[in-house]
Amino acid sequence: MSLKNLFLRTVAVIAIGSSALFVPAAQAQDKGYVTVEPAQPSDTTGKIEVLEFFAYSCPHCNTLEPMVQTWAKTLPDNVVLKPVPVAFNASMADLQKLYYSLESLNRLDLHPEVFKAIHGERKRIYDAKGITDWVVSKGVDRKSFEDVFNSFGLQSKVTRANELAKAYNIEGTPSIAVGGKYVTSPTLANSYEGTITQAQKLVEMVNE
């Protein structure tokens, strides 16, 4: 084979390979969701899980969160919504611990307040000290919060959150996973409202 023909053949192979790489992304955009491979089991026995992958520091999560909470009230009894705080780097880990601390202390009424503090009031509650001072200002006992925040049980929840983000190949927030099989997001669904609409369709698909 001549060098020219070898070069042309190589270019053709590269072109075909590149097309194969880009087709799934285009298809995902068209569908509004991607399929999880392999499908993931539910951590909640007998329930279809909807996992809301979020980060308190994410402005897009701040926008979508009220829509998710409104939608959650319409979900059937066999569907459970589970927020999953995501950390893409070590500096975000304390915010993961904040969510699970509020959950453990039965103070998830402060969950939307965290978004408001960061995005509306521009409070810098990103590290343990800033987070603790803010939570205490909301009427939570300092020692009770610190005990939970630094507990082994809470770290286990953070570890599980990281495992889920990896298993679902979460590369951005917010993302919503449904039934261990599908993931949608504002990027895939082209809007915040579209994300909720698509997530509802996915719940119905899994629930058939």
N, C-alpha and C. Protein backbone atom coordinates (compact mmCIF):
# COMPACT_ATOMS: atom_id res chain seq x y z
N MET A 1 0.86 -1.20 0.00
CA MET A 1 0.00 0.00 0.00
C MET A 1 0.89 1.24 0.00
N SER A 2 0.56 2.19 -0.87
CA SER A 2 1.36 3.40 -0.95
C SER A 2 1.18 4.26 0.30
N LEU A 3 2.13 5.14 0.55
CA LEU A 3 2.01 6.03 1.70
C LEU A 3 0.77 6.90 1.60
N LYS A 4 0.44 7.30 0.34
CA LYS A 4 -0.73 8.15 0.15
C LYS A 4 -1.99 7.40 0.52
N ASN A 5 -2.11 6.16 0.05
CA ASN A 5 -3.31 5.37 0.36
C ASN A 5 -3.40 5.05 1.84
N LEU A 6 -2.24 4.77 2.46
CA LEU A 6 -2.22 4.50 3.89
C LEU A 6 -2.69 5.71 4.68
N PHE A 7 -2.24 6.90 4.26
CA PHE A 7 -2.65 8.14 4.92
C PHE A 7 -4.16 8.34 4.79
N LEU A 8 -4.70 8.14 3.59
CA LEU A 8 -6.14 8.33 3.36
C LEU A 8 -6.96 7.35 4.17
N ARG A 9 -6.49 6.11 4.25
CA ARG A 9 -7.21 5.10 5.01
C ARG A 9 -7.21 5.47 6.50
N THR A 10 -6.06 5.94 6.97
CA THR A 10 -5.96 6.33 8.38
C THR A 10 -6.91 7.48 8.70
N VAL A 11 -6.97 8.48 7.80
CA VAL A 11 -7.87 9.60 7.99
C VAL A 11 -9.32 9.13 8.04
N ALA A 12 -9.66 8.18 7.17
CA ALA A 12 -11.03 7.66 7.13
C ALA A 12 -11.39 6.97 8.43
N VAL A 13 -10.46 6.16 8.96
CA VAL A 13 -10.70 5.46 10.22
C VAL A 13 -10.90 6.45 11.36
N ILE A 14 -10.03 7.49 11.39
CA ILE A 14 -10.16 8.51 12.44
C ILE A 14 -11.50 9.22 12.34
N ALA A 15 -11.92 9.54 11.12
CA ALA A 15 -13.19 10.23 10.92
C ALA A 15 -14.35 9.38 11.40
N ILE A 16 -14.31 8.07 11.08
CA ILE A 16 -15.38 7.18 11.51
C ILE A 16 -15.40 7.08 13.03
N GLY A 17 -14.19 6.96 13.62
CA GLY A 17 -14.11 6.88 15.08
C GLY A 17 -14.63 8.12 15.75
N SER A 18 -14.31 9.29 15.18
CA SER A 18 -14.78 10.55 15.76
C SER A 18 -16.28 10.64 15.70
N SER A 19 -16.87 10.21 14.59
CA SER A 19 -18.33 10.25 14.46
C SER A 19 -18.97 9.36 15.51
N ALA A 20 -18.37 8.20 15.72
CA ALA A 20 -18.94 7.27 16.70
C ALA A 20 -18.90 7.87 18.10
N LEU A 21 -17.85 8.66 18.37
CA LEU A 21 -17.74 9.26 19.68
C LEU A 21 -18.79 10.35 19.89
N PHE A 22 -19.10 11.09 18.84
CA PHE A 22 -19.99 12.23 18.98
C PHE A 22 -21.47 11.86 18.84
N VAL A 23 -21.80 10.74 18.21
CA VAL A 23 -23.20 10.38 18.00
C VAL A 23 -23.98 10.22 19.30
N PRO A 24 -23.44 9.48 20.30
CA PRO A 24 -24.22 9.33 21.53
C PRO A 24 -24.58 10.65 22.18
N ALA A 25 -23.65 11.61 22.18
CA ALA A 25 -23.94 12.92 22.78
C ALA A 25 -25.08 13.61 22.04
N ALA A 26 -25.06 13.54 20.71
CA ALA A 26 -26.13 14.15 19.93
C ALA A 26 -27.46 13.47 20.20
N GLN A 27 -27.41 12.14 20.29
CA GLN A 27 -28.65 11.41 20.57
C GLN A 27 -29.18 11.76 21.95
N ALA A 28 -28.27 11.92 22.92
CA ALA A 28 -28.70 12.29 24.27
C ALA A 28 -29.40 13.63 24.26
N GLN A 29 -28.87 14.58 23.49
CA GLN A 29 -29.50 15.89 23.39
C GLN A 29 -30.89 15.77 22.81
N ASP A 30 -31.04 14.91 21.79
CA ASP A 30 -32.34 14.74 21.15
C ASP A 30 -33.34 14.11 22.10
N LYS A 31 -32.89 13.13 22.88
CA LYS A 31 -33.79 12.42 23.78
C LYS A 31 -34.06 13.20 25.06
N GLY A 32 -33.13 14.02 25.45
CA GLY A 32 -33.29 14.76 26.69
C GLY A 32 -32.78 14.01 27.91
N TYR A 33 -32.18 12.84 27.69
CA TYR A 33 -31.64 12.06 28.80
C TYR A 33 -30.58 11.09 28.27
N VAL A 34 -29.81 10.53 29.18
CA VAL A 34 -28.87 9.47 28.84
C VAL A 34 -29.24 8.22 29.64
N THR A 35 -28.85 7.07 29.11
CA THR A 35 -29.11 5.80 29.78
C THR A 35 -27.90 5.42 30.62
N VAL A 36 -28.16 4.96 31.83
CA VAL A 36 -27.10 4.55 32.75
C VAL A 36 -26.70 3.11 32.45
N GLU A 37 -25.43 2.91 32.19
CA GLU A 37 -24.91 1.56 31.92
C GLU A 37 -23.71 1.28 32.84
N PRO A 38 -23.83 0.24 33.68
CA PRO A 38 -25.00 -0.61 33.89
C PRO A 38 -26.03 0.10 34.78
N ALA A 39 -27.26 -0.38 34.73
CA ALA A 39 -28.31 0.17 35.59
C ALA A 39 -27.93 -0.04 37.05
N GLN A 40 -28.33 0.91 37.89
CA GLN A 40 -27.96 0.88 39.30
C GLN A 40 -29.12 0.43 40.19
N PRO A 41 -28.83 -0.36 41.23
CA PRO A 41 -29.89 -0.80 42.14
C PRO A 41 -30.35 0.34 43.04
N SER A 42 -31.55 0.20 43.55
CA SER A 42 -32.09 1.20 44.47
C SER A 42 -31.59 0.95 45.88
N ASP A 43 -31.26 2.01 46.59
CA ASP A 43 -30.89 1.88 48.00
C ASP A 43 -32.12 1.85 48.90
N THR A 44 -33.30 2.10 48.32
CA THR A 44 -34.55 2.12 49.07
C THR A 44 -35.40 0.95 48.61
N THR A 45 -35.50 -0.08 49.43
CA THR A 45 -36.19 -1.31 49.06
C THR A 45 -37.64 -1.04 48.67
N GLY A 46 -38.02 -1.55 47.50
CA GLY A 46 -39.41 -1.45 47.05
C GLY A 46 -39.80 -0.10 46.50
N LYS A 47 -38.85 0.80 46.35
CA LYS A 47 -39.14 2.14 45.85
C LYS A 47 -38.33 2.45 44.59
N ILE A 48 -38.91 3.24 43.71
CA ILE A 48 -38.18 3.80 42.58
C ILE A 48 -37.49 5.07 43.09
N GLU A 49 -36.18 5.10 42.96
CA GLU A 49 -35.44 6.25 43.46
C GLU A 49 -35.25 7.31 42.38
N VAL A 50 -35.51 8.54 42.77
CA VAL A 50 -35.14 9.70 41.97
C VAL A 50 -34.02 10.40 42.73
N LEU A 51 -32.85 10.42 42.15
CA LEU A 51 -31.69 11.01 42.81
C LEU A 51 -31.43 12.40 42.24
N GLU A 52 -31.43 13.39 43.11
CA GLU A 52 -31.16 14.76 42.71
C GLU A 52 -29.71 15.09 43.06
N PHE A 53 -28.83 15.02 42.08
CA PHE A 53 -27.43 15.35 42.30
C PHE A 53 -27.29 16.87 42.26
N PHE A 54 -26.80 17.44 43.35
CA PHE A 54 -26.75 18.90 43.46
C PHE A 54 -25.51 19.33 44.22
N ALA A 55 -25.21 20.61 44.14
CA ALA A 55 -24.17 21.24 44.96
C ALA A 55 -24.72 22.57 45.44
N TYR A 56 -24.58 22.85 46.72
CA TYR A 56 -25.07 24.12 47.26
C TYR A 56 -24.45 25.32 46.56
N SER A 57 -23.21 25.19 46.11
CA SER A 57 -22.52 26.31 45.49
C SER A 57 -22.89 26.51 44.03
N CYS A 58 -23.68 25.61 43.47
CA CYS A 58 -24.04 25.65 42.04
C CYS A 58 -25.23 26.59 41.79
N PRO A 59 -25.06 27.66 41.01
CA PRO A 59 -26.17 28.58 40.75
C PRO A 59 -27.33 27.92 39.99
N HIS A 60 -27.02 26.95 39.15
CA HIS A 60 -28.08 26.25 38.41
C HIS A 60 -28.92 25.38 39.35
N CYS A 61 -28.27 24.80 40.34
CA CYS A 61 -28.99 24.03 41.36
C CYS A 61 -29.91 24.95 42.16
N ASN A 62 -29.42 26.14 42.44
CA ASN A 62 -30.22 27.14 43.16
C ASN A 62 -31.50 27.46 42.40
N THR A 63 -31.41 27.53 41.08
CA THR A 63 -32.59 27.83 40.26
C THR A 63 -33.53 26.64 40.19
N LEU A 64 -32.97 25.44 40.03
CA LEU A 64 -33.81 24.25 39.84
C LEU A 64 -34.44 23.75 41.13
N GLU A 65 -33.80 23.99 42.26
CA GLU A 65 -34.24 23.39 43.52
C GLU A 65 -35.72 23.63 43.84
N PRO A 66 -36.25 24.85 43.74
CA PRO A 66 -37.67 25.04 44.04
C PRO A 66 -38.57 24.23 43.10
N MET A 67 -38.17 24.08 41.85
CA MET A 67 -38.94 23.30 40.89
C MET A 67 -38.94 21.82 41.28
N VAL A 68 -37.80 21.34 41.73
CA VAL A 68 -37.70 19.94 42.16
C VAL A 68 -38.60 19.69 43.37
N GLN A 69 -38.59 20.61 44.31
CA GLN A 69 -39.40 20.44 45.52
C GLN A 69 -40.89 20.46 45.20
N THR A 70 -41.29 21.32 44.28
CA THR A 70 -42.70 21.36 43.88
C THR A 70 -43.09 20.07 43.17
N TRP A 71 -42.22 19.60 42.28
CA TRP A 71 -42.47 18.36 41.54
C TRP A 71 -42.52 17.16 42.47
N ALA A 72 -41.65 17.13 43.48
CA ALA A 72 -41.57 16.00 44.40
C ALA A 72 -42.90 15.73 45.09
N LYS A 73 -43.68 16.78 45.32
CA LYS A 73 -44.97 16.64 45.99
C LYS A 73 -45.99 15.90 45.13
N THR A 74 -45.72 15.79 43.83
CA THR A 74 -46.66 15.14 42.91
C THR A 74 -46.28 13.69 42.63
N LEU A 75 -45.14 13.24 43.13
CA LEU A 75 -44.67 11.89 42.81
C LEU A 75 -45.52 10.83 43.51
N PRO A 76 -45.75 9.70 42.85
CA PRO A 76 -46.54 8.63 43.46
C PRO A 76 -45.85 8.02 44.67
N ASP A 77 -46.59 7.25 45.45
CA ASP A 77 -46.08 6.73 46.71
C ASP A 77 -44.91 5.76 46.54
N ASN A 78 -44.82 5.14 45.37
CA ASN A 78 -43.74 4.17 45.17
C ASN A 78 -42.46 4.81 44.62
N VAL A 79 -42.43 6.14 44.61
CA VAL A 79 -41.26 6.88 44.14
C VAL A 79 -40.73 7.74 45.28
N VAL A 80 -39.41 7.69 45.51
CA VAL A 80 -38.80 8.47 46.57
C VAL A 80 -37.73 9.37 45.98
N LEU A 81 -37.75 10.64 46.39
CA LEU A 81 -36.73 11.60 45.96
C LEU A 81 -35.62 11.65 47.00
N LYS A 82 -34.37 11.48 46.57
CA LYS A 82 -33.23 11.53 47.47
C LYS A 82 -32.21 12.53 46.95
N PRO A 83 -32.04 13.66 47.62
CA PRO A 83 -30.97 14.58 47.24
C PRO A 83 -29.60 13.95 47.49
N VAL A 84 -28.69 14.17 46.57
CA VAL A 84 -27.32 13.64 46.71
C VAL A 84 -26.34 14.79 46.50
N PRO A 85 -25.74 15.31 47.58
CA PRO A 85 -24.78 16.41 47.42
C PRO A 85 -23.50 15.91 46.75
N VAL A 86 -23.01 16.67 45.80
CA VAL A 86 -21.86 16.28 44.99
C VAL A 86 -20.67 17.19 45.30
N ALA A 87 -19.48 16.60 45.33
CA ALA A 87 -18.25 17.39 45.48
C ALA A 87 -17.32 17.04 44.32
N PHE A 88 -17.03 18.01 43.48
CA PHE A 88 -16.11 17.79 42.37
C PHE A 88 -14.66 18.03 42.75
N ASN A 89 -14.46 18.58 43.96
CA ASN A 89 -13.11 18.74 44.50
C ASN A 89 -13.21 18.80 46.02
N ALA A 90 -12.06 18.73 46.68
CA ALA A 90 -12.03 18.64 48.14
C ALA A 90 -12.65 19.85 48.83
N SER A 91 -12.61 21.01 48.19
CA SER A 91 -13.14 22.22 48.82
C SER A 91 -14.66 22.18 48.97
N MET A 92 -15.32 21.26 48.26
CA MET A 92 -16.78 21.17 48.33
C MET A 92 -17.27 20.14 49.35
N ALA A 93 -16.35 19.41 49.96
CA ALA A 93 -16.72 18.31 50.84
C ALA A 93 -17.51 18.76 52.07
N ASP A 94 -17.15 19.92 52.63
CA ASP A 94 -17.85 20.39 53.83
C ASP A 94 -19.31 20.71 53.53
N LEU A 95 -19.61 21.13 52.31
CA LEU A 95 -21.00 21.40 51.95
C LEU A 95 -21.80 20.10 51.81
N GLN A 96 -21.13 19.04 51.40
CA GLN A 96 -21.78 17.72 51.42
C GLN A 96 -22.14 17.38 52.87
N LYS A 97 -21.19 17.58 53.76
CA LYS A 97 -21.41 17.26 55.17
C LYS A 97 -22.51 18.14 55.77
N LEU A 98 -22.62 19.36 55.28
CA LEU A 98 -23.69 20.24 55.76
C LEU A 98 -25.05 19.62 55.47
N TYR A 99 -25.27 19.16 54.22
CA TYR A 99 -26.58 18.59 53.89
C TYR A 99 -26.89 17.40 54.79
N TYR A 100 -25.96 16.48 54.93
CA TYR A 100 -26.23 15.28 55.71
C TYR A 100 -26.35 15.58 57.20
N SER A 101 -25.69 16.64 57.66
CA SER A 101 -25.85 17.05 59.06
C SER A 101 -27.27 17.57 59.30
N LEU A 102 -27.76 18.41 58.39
CA LEU A 102 -29.13 18.91 58.51
C LEU A 102 -30.13 17.76 58.47
N GLU A 103 -29.87 16.79 57.61
CA GLU A 103 -30.75 15.62 57.52
C GLU A 103 -30.74 14.85 58.83
N SER A 104 -29.56 14.61 59.39
CA SER A 104 -29.43 13.84 60.62
C SER A 104 -30.07 14.53 61.81
N LEU A 105 -30.02 15.87 61.80
CA LEU A 105 -30.60 16.64 62.91
C LEU A 105 -32.07 16.97 62.69
N ASN A 106 -32.65 16.43 61.62
CA ASN A 106 -34.05 16.71 61.29
C ASN A 106 -34.28 18.21 61.10
N ARG A 107 -33.33 18.87 60.43
CA ARG A 107 -33.43 20.30 60.17
C ARG A 107 -33.33 20.60 58.67
N LEU A 108 -33.92 19.75 57.87
CA LEU A 108 -33.92 20.02 56.43
C LEU A 108 -34.80 21.20 56.06
N ASP A 109 -35.48 21.78 57.04
CA ASP A 109 -36.16 23.04 56.77
C ASP A 109 -35.14 24.13 56.42
N LEU A 110 -33.87 23.91 56.79
CA LEU A 110 -32.81 24.87 56.48
C LEU A 110 -32.16 24.61 55.12
N HIS A 111 -32.54 23.52 54.47
CA HIS A 111 -31.96 23.17 53.16
C HIS A 111 -32.12 24.31 52.15
N PRO A 112 -33.34 24.82 51.91
CA PRO A 112 -33.46 25.94 50.98
C PRO A 112 -32.79 27.21 51.48
N GLU A 113 -32.67 27.33 52.81
CA GLU A 113 -32.01 28.51 53.38
C GLU A 113 -30.53 28.55 53.05
N VAL A 114 -29.92 27.39 52.87
CA VAL A 114 -28.50 27.34 52.49
C VAL A 114 -28.32 27.96 51.11
N PHE A 115 -29.18 27.57 50.17
CA PHE A 115 -29.11 28.16 48.83
C PHE A 115 -29.29 29.67 48.90
N LYS A 116 -30.26 30.10 49.70
CA LYS A 116 -30.54 31.54 49.83
C LYS A 116 -29.33 32.27 50.41
N ALA A 117 -28.71 31.67 51.41
CA ALA A 117 -27.56 32.32 52.06
C ALA A 117 -26.40 32.49 51.08
N ILE A 118 -26.14 31.45 50.29
CA ILE A 118 -24.99 31.49 49.38
C ILE A 118 -25.26 32.35 48.16
N HIS A 119 -26.43 32.18 47.55
CA HIS A 119 -26.69 32.83 46.26
C HIS A 119 -27.45 34.15 46.38
N GLY A 120 -28.24 34.28 47.43
CA GLY A 120 -29.00 35.51 47.61
C GLY A 120 -28.30 36.51 48.53
N GLU A 121 -27.78 36.00 49.64
CA GLU A 121 -27.16 36.85 50.64
C GLU A 121 -25.64 36.90 50.51
N ARG A 122 -25.09 36.10 49.60
CA ARG A 122 -23.65 36.08 49.32
C ARG A 122 -22.82 35.77 50.57
N LYS A 123 -23.32 34.91 51.41
CA LYS A 123 -22.56 34.51 52.60
C LYS A 123 -21.54 33.44 52.22
N ARG A 124 -20.36 33.53 52.79
CA ARG A 124 -19.29 32.60 52.47
C ARG A 124 -19.30 31.44 53.47
N ILE A 125 -20.22 30.54 53.26
CA ILE A 125 -20.34 29.38 54.15
C ILE A 125 -19.87 28.13 53.40
N TYR A 126 -18.56 28.07 53.22
CA TYR A 126 -17.99 26.98 52.44
C TYR A 126 -17.13 26.02 53.26
N ASP A 127 -16.56 26.52 54.37
CA ASP A 127 -15.73 25.64 55.19
C ASP A 127 -16.43 25.34 56.51
N ALA A 128 -15.83 24.46 57.29
CA ALA A 128 -16.47 23.98 58.52
C ALA A 128 -16.83 25.12 59.47
N LYS A 129 -15.91 26.07 59.66
CA LYS A 129 -16.17 27.17 60.59
C LYS A 129 -17.33 28.05 60.10
N GLY A 130 -17.26 28.47 58.85
CA GLY A 130 -18.32 29.31 58.31
C GLY A 130 -19.67 28.61 58.33
N ILE A 131 -19.66 27.33 57.98
CA ILE A 131 -20.89 26.54 57.98
C ILE A 131 -21.46 26.44 59.39
N THR A 132 -20.60 26.09 60.35
CA THR A 132 -21.07 25.92 61.73
C THR A 132 -21.62 27.22 62.29
N ASP A 133 -20.93 28.32 62.09
CA ASP A 133 -21.40 29.61 62.59
C ASP A 133 -22.76 29.96 61.99
N TRP A 134 -22.93 29.67 60.71
CA TRP A 134 -24.21 29.98 60.05
C TRP A 134 -25.33 29.12 60.61
N VAL A 135 -25.07 27.83 60.76
CA VAL A 135 -26.10 26.93 61.29
C VAL A 135 -26.49 27.33 62.72
N VAL A 136 -25.51 27.68 63.52
CA VAL A 136 -25.79 28.12 64.89
C VAL A 136 -26.65 29.39 64.88
N SER A 137 -26.39 30.27 63.92
CA SER A 137 -27.19 31.51 63.82
C SER A 137 -28.65 31.21 63.49
N LYS A 138 -28.90 29.99 63.01
CA LYS A 138 -30.27 29.57 62.68
C LYS A 138 -30.93 28.80 63.83
N GLY A 139 -30.28 28.82 64.97
CA GLY A 139 -30.89 28.23 66.17
C GLY A 139 -30.50 26.81 66.47
N VAL A 140 -29.51 26.26 65.76
CA VAL A 140 -29.05 24.90 66.01
C VAL A 140 -27.96 24.92 67.07
N ASP A 141 -28.01 23.98 68.01
CA ASP A 141 -27.00 23.91 69.06
C ASP A 141 -25.63 23.59 68.45
N ARG A 142 -24.63 24.35 68.83
CA ARG A 142 -23.31 24.21 68.22
C ARG A 142 -22.72 22.81 68.45
N LYS A 143 -22.74 22.34 69.69
CA LYS A 143 -22.14 21.04 69.98
C LYS A 143 -22.86 19.91 69.25
N SER A 144 -24.18 19.99 69.23
CA SER A 144 -24.96 18.95 68.54
C SER A 144 -24.59 18.90 67.07
N PHE A 145 -24.46 20.08 66.47
CA PHE A 145 -24.11 20.13 65.05
C PHE A 145 -22.70 19.61 64.82
N GLU A 146 -21.76 20.06 65.63
CA GLU A 146 -20.36 19.64 65.44
C GLU A 146 -20.20 18.14 65.64
N ASP A 147 -20.93 17.58 66.60
CA ASP A 147 -20.85 16.14 66.86
C ASP A 147 -21.30 15.35 65.62
N VAL A 148 -22.40 15.80 65.02
CA VAL A 148 -22.91 15.12 63.83
C VAL A 148 -22.00 15.37 62.64
N PHE A 149 -21.61 16.62 62.46
CA PHE A 149 -20.79 17.04 61.31
C PHE A 149 -19.48 16.25 61.24
N ASN A 150 -18.94 15.90 62.39
CA ASN A 150 -17.64 15.22 62.45
C ASN A 150 -17.75 13.72 62.73
N SER A 151 -18.95 13.19 62.66
CA SER A 151 -19.16 11.78 63.02
C SER A 151 -18.77 10.84 61.89
N PHE A 152 -18.47 9.60 62.27
CA PHE A 152 -18.13 8.57 61.29
C PHE A 152 -19.35 8.23 60.43
N GLY A 153 -20.51 8.19 61.06
CA GLY A 153 -21.74 7.86 60.32
C GLY A 153 -22.01 8.85 59.20
N LEU A 154 -21.75 10.11 59.46
CA LEU A 154 -21.98 11.12 58.44
C LEU A 154 -20.96 10.98 57.30
N GLN A 155 -19.72 10.67 57.66
CA GLN A 155 -18.70 10.47 56.62
C GLN A 155 -19.06 9.29 55.72
N SER A 156 -19.72 8.29 56.30
CA SER A 156 -20.17 7.14 55.50
C SER A 156 -21.20 7.58 54.46
N LYS A 157 -22.06 8.52 54.82
CA LYS A 157 -23.05 9.02 53.87
C LYS A 157 -22.37 9.80 52.74
N VAL A 158 -21.35 10.58 53.10
CA VAL A 158 -20.60 11.31 52.08
C VAL A 158 -19.91 10.35 51.12
N THR A 159 -19.34 9.29 51.67
CA THR A 159 -18.69 8.29 50.84
C THR A 159 -19.69 7.66 49.87
N ARG A 160 -20.89 7.37 50.35
CA ARG A 160 -21.91 6.79 49.49
C ARG A 160 -22.33 7.77 48.41
N ALA A 161 -22.43 9.05 48.75
CA ALA A 161 -22.77 10.07 47.75
C ALA A 161 -21.73 10.11 46.65
N ASN A 162 -20.47 10.01 47.03
CA ASN A 162 -19.40 10.02 46.04
C ASN A 162 -19.45 8.78 45.15
N GLU A 163 -19.79 7.65 45.75
CA GLU A 163 -19.93 6.41 44.98
C GLU A 163 -21.06 6.53 43.96
N LEU A 164 -22.18 7.14 44.37
CA LEU A 164 -23.31 7.30 43.46
C LEU A 164 -22.97 8.24 42.31
N ALA A 165 -22.29 9.34 42.63
CA ALA A 165 -21.91 10.28 41.57
C ALA A 165 -21.01 9.60 40.54
N LYS A 166 -20.14 8.73 41.02
CA LYS A 166 -19.25 8.01 40.11
C LYS A 166 -20.02 6.96 39.30
N ALA A 167 -20.90 6.23 39.97
CA ALA A 167 -21.67 5.17 39.30
C ALA A 167 -22.57 5.73 38.21
N TYR A 168 -23.13 6.92 38.46
CA TYR A 168 -24.02 7.55 37.48
C TYR A 168 -23.28 8.47 36.52
N ASN A 169 -21.95 8.51 36.65
CA ASN A 169 -21.11 9.32 35.77
C ASN A 169 -21.55 10.78 35.76
N ILE A 170 -21.77 11.33 36.95
CA ILE A 170 -22.22 12.71 37.08
C ILE A 170 -21.04 13.66 36.89
N GLU A 171 -21.09 14.45 35.85
CA GLU A 171 -20.01 15.39 35.55
C GLU A 171 -20.43 16.84 35.74
N GLY A 172 -21.69 17.07 36.06
CA GLY A 172 -22.17 18.42 36.29
C GLY A 172 -23.45 18.40 37.10
N THR A 173 -23.74 19.51 37.74
CA THR A 173 -24.98 19.64 38.51
C THR A 173 -25.76 20.85 38.02
N PRO A 174 -27.11 20.77 38.17
CA PRO A 174 -27.89 19.66 38.71
C PRO A 174 -28.10 18.56 37.68
N SER A 175 -28.23 17.34 38.17
CA SER A 175 -28.59 16.19 37.34
C SER A 175 -29.60 15.36 38.11
N ILE A 176 -30.55 14.79 37.41
CA ILE A 176 -31.59 13.98 38.05
C ILE A 176 -31.56 12.58 37.46
N ALA A 177 -31.35 11.59 38.32
CA ALA A 177 -31.34 10.19 37.91
C ALA A 177 -32.67 9.55 38.32
N VAL A 178 -33.18 8.69 37.45
CA VAL A 178 -34.49 8.08 37.70
C VAL A 178 -34.40 6.56 37.57
N GLY A 179 -34.82 5.88 38.64
CA GLY A 179 -34.93 4.44 38.60
C GLY A 179 -33.65 3.69 38.33
N GLY A 180 -32.51 4.32 38.56
CA GLY A 180 -31.24 3.66 38.32
C GLY A 180 -30.91 3.47 36.86
N LYS A 181 -31.75 4.03 35.97
CA LYS A 181 -31.60 3.75 34.54
C LYS A 181 -31.32 4.97 33.68
N TYR A 182 -31.78 6.13 34.12
CA TYR A 182 -31.72 7.31 33.25
C TYR A 182 -31.23 8.53 34.04
N VAL A 183 -30.60 9.45 33.32
CA VAL A 183 -30.18 10.73 33.90
C VAL A 183 -30.57 11.85 32.95
N THR A 184 -31.16 12.91 33.49
CA THR A 184 -31.47 14.10 32.72
C THR A 184 -30.89 15.31 33.44
N SER A 185 -30.85 16.44 32.76
CA SER A 185 -30.28 17.66 33.33
C SER A 185 -30.72 18.84 32.47
N PRO A 186 -30.52 20.07 32.94
CA PRO A 186 -30.85 21.23 32.11
C PRO A 186 -30.09 21.24 30.78
N THR A 187 -28.87 20.73 30.79
CA THR A 187 -28.11 20.67 29.54
C THR A 187 -28.74 19.71 28.55
N LEU A 188 -29.14 18.54 29.03
CA LEU A 188 -29.73 17.52 28.16
C LEU A 188 -31.15 17.89 27.75
N ALA A 189 -31.91 18.50 28.67
CA ALA A 189 -33.31 18.82 28.40
C ALA A 189 -33.50 20.24 27.87
N ASN A 190 -32.40 20.99 27.78
CA ASN A 190 -32.39 22.33 27.19
C ASN A 190 -33.00 23.43 28.04
N SER A 191 -33.48 23.13 29.23
CA SER A 191 -34.01 24.18 30.12
C SER A 191 -34.24 23.59 31.50
N TYR A 192 -34.45 24.46 32.47
CA TYR A 192 -34.78 24.00 33.82
C TYR A 192 -36.16 23.34 33.83
N GLU A 193 -37.13 24.00 33.22
CA GLU A 193 -38.48 23.46 33.17
C GLU A 193 -38.50 22.13 32.42
N GLY A 194 -37.71 22.09 31.33
CA GLY A 194 -37.63 20.87 30.54
C GLY A 194 -37.05 19.71 31.33
N THR A 195 -36.17 20.00 32.27
CA THR A 195 -35.58 18.96 33.11
C THR A 195 -36.66 18.28 33.94
N ILE A 196 -37.54 19.08 34.52
CA ILE A 196 -38.62 18.51 35.33
C ILE A 196 -39.59 17.71 34.46
N THR A 197 -39.92 18.25 33.30
CA THR A 197 -40.82 17.55 32.38
C THR A 197 -40.22 16.21 31.95
N GLN A 198 -38.92 16.23 31.63
CA GLN A 198 -38.24 15.01 31.21
C GLN A 198 -38.16 14.02 32.36
N ALA A 199 -37.86 14.48 33.55
CA ALA A 199 -37.77 13.60 34.72
C ALA A 199 -39.11 12.93 34.98
N GLN A 200 -40.20 13.67 34.82
CA GLN A 200 -41.53 13.10 35.00
C GLN A 200 -41.78 12.00 33.98
N LYS A 201 -41.38 12.22 32.74
CA LYS A 201 -41.55 11.21 31.70
C LYS A 201 -40.74 9.95 32.03
N LEU A 202 -39.55 10.15 32.57
CA LEU A 202 -38.71 9.02 32.93
C LEU A 202 -39.32 8.23 34.09
N VAL A 203 -39.90 8.92 35.05
CA VAL A 203 -40.59 8.24 36.15
C VAL A 203 -41.71 7.37 35.59
N GLU A 204 -42.46 7.93 34.65
CA GLU A 204 -43.57 7.17 34.06
C GLU A 204 -43.05 5.97 33.26
N MET A 205 -41.91 6.12 32.58
CA MET A 205 -41.32 5.02 31.83
C MET A 205 -40.92 3.88 32.79
N VAL A 206 -40.26 4.23 33.89
CA VAL A 206 -39.80 3.24 34.84
C VAL A 206 -40.96 2.59 35.57
N ASN A 207 -42.05 3.34 35.74
CA ASN A 207 -43.19 2.92 36.54
C ASN A 207 -44.20 2.11 35.73
N GLU A 208 -43.96 1.94 34.44
CA GLU A 208 -44.91 1.20 33.60
C GLU A 208 -44.97 -0.27 33.98
